[in-house]
Protein backbone atom coordinates (compact mmCIF):
# COMPACT_ATOMS: atom_id res chain seq x y z
CA MET A 1 0.00 0.00 0.00
CA ALA A 2 1.39 3.38 -0.98
CA PRO A 3 1.67 6.02 1.74
CA ARG A 4 -0.92 8.76 1.66
CA LYS A 5 0.21 12.32 1.19
CA SER A 6 -0.38 13.07 4.86
CA GLU A 7 1.81 10.16 6.01
CA SER A 8 5.50 10.79 6.48
CA SER A 9 8.14 8.69 4.79
CA ARG A 10 11.40 7.47 6.27
CA LEU A 11 14.61 6.12 4.79
CA VAL A 12 17.49 4.50 6.67
CA LEU A 13 20.83 4.07 4.91
CA ARG A 14 23.67 2.16 6.53
CA LEU A 15 27.05 2.56 4.89
CA THR A 16 30.55 1.33 5.52
CA HIS A 17 33.57 3.29 4.36
CA GLU A 18 37.20 3.52 5.42
CA ASP A 19 36.70 7.28 5.99
CA ALA A 20 33.23 6.99 7.55
CA ASP A 21 34.05 9.68 10.12
CA ALA A 22 34.87 12.17 7.37
CA LEU A 23 31.70 11.29 5.45
CA ALA A 24 29.68 11.68 8.65
CA ALA A 25 31.24 15.11 9.19
CA SER A 26 30.15 16.11 5.69
CA LEU A 27 26.55 15.19 6.61
CA THR A 28 26.41 17.38 9.71
CA THR A 29 24.09 19.95 8.11
CA GLU A 30 22.39 17.57 5.68
CA ALA A 31 20.97 14.62 7.60
CA GLU A 32 20.52 12.87 10.91
CA PHE A 33 23.16 10.18 11.38
CA SER A 34 24.75 7.99 14.01
CA ASP A 35 27.92 5.94 14.26
CA ILE A 36 27.13 2.25 14.40
CA ASN A 37 30.73 1.17 14.85
CA LYS A 38 34.12 2.15 13.48
CA GLY A 39 33.75 2.57 9.74
CA THR A 40 29.95 2.33 9.62
CA ILE A 41 27.36 5.10 9.88
CA GLU A 42 23.59 5.03 9.68
CA VAL A 43 21.80 7.92 8.02
CA THR A 44 18.10 8.56 8.62
CA GLU A 45 16.00 10.79 6.39
CA ARG A 46 12.38 11.74 7.00
CA ALA A 47 10.03 13.69 4.77
CA PRO A 48 6.31 14.37 4.62
CA SER A 49 5.95 12.53 1.29
CA MET A 50 7.77 10.14 -1.01
CA VAL A 51 8.42 12.98 -3.45
CA ASP A 52 10.13 14.99 -0.72
CA LEU A 53 12.01 11.92 0.49
CA ARG A 54 13.29 11.32 -3.04
CA ALA A 55 14.56 14.90 -3.21
CA ARG A 56 16.28 14.49 0.18
CA TRP A 57 17.81 11.19 -1.02
CA ASN A 58 19.19 12.89 -4.15
CA THR A 59 20.71 15.69 -2.07
CA LEU A 60 22.20 13.21 0.37
CA MET A 61 23.74 11.09 -2.38
CA ARG A 62 25.19 14.11 -4.19
CA GLY A 63 26.81 15.23 -0.93
CA LEU A 64 28.24 11.79 -0.19
CA ILE A 65 29.59 11.40 -3.72
CA ALA A 66 31.24 14.84 -3.62
CA SER A 67 32.73 14.12 -0.19
CA GLU A 68 34.11 10.78 -1.33
CA GLN A 69 35.66 12.39 -4.41
CA VAL A 70 37.34 15.03 -2.27
CA LEU A 71 38.64 12.32 0.05
CA GLY A 72 40.03 10.49 -2.99
CA ILE A 73 41.81 13.61 -4.20
CA ALA A 74 43.27 14.16 -0.72
CA GLU A 75 44.47 10.53 -0.62
CA GLY A 76 46.11 10.92 -4.03
CA SER A 77 48.04 14.01 -2.96
CA LYS A 78 49.78 12.24 -0.09
């Protein structure tokens, strides 16, 4: 059953990365997150509708991709 417009939607993303702390720091203003254990973070997004949740997901993914690319550049310059 699809959620009604008045129902809120929620997404939980758990990711593992060698620089999870740095990725978490990049999310400070973007999303709610918590450290599960070293190298793993859990990101929670909530929105009033699936359309809004999709937009939040896109923003979150763009931010994570950009952060990972910057981390890759920093690794390459060492």
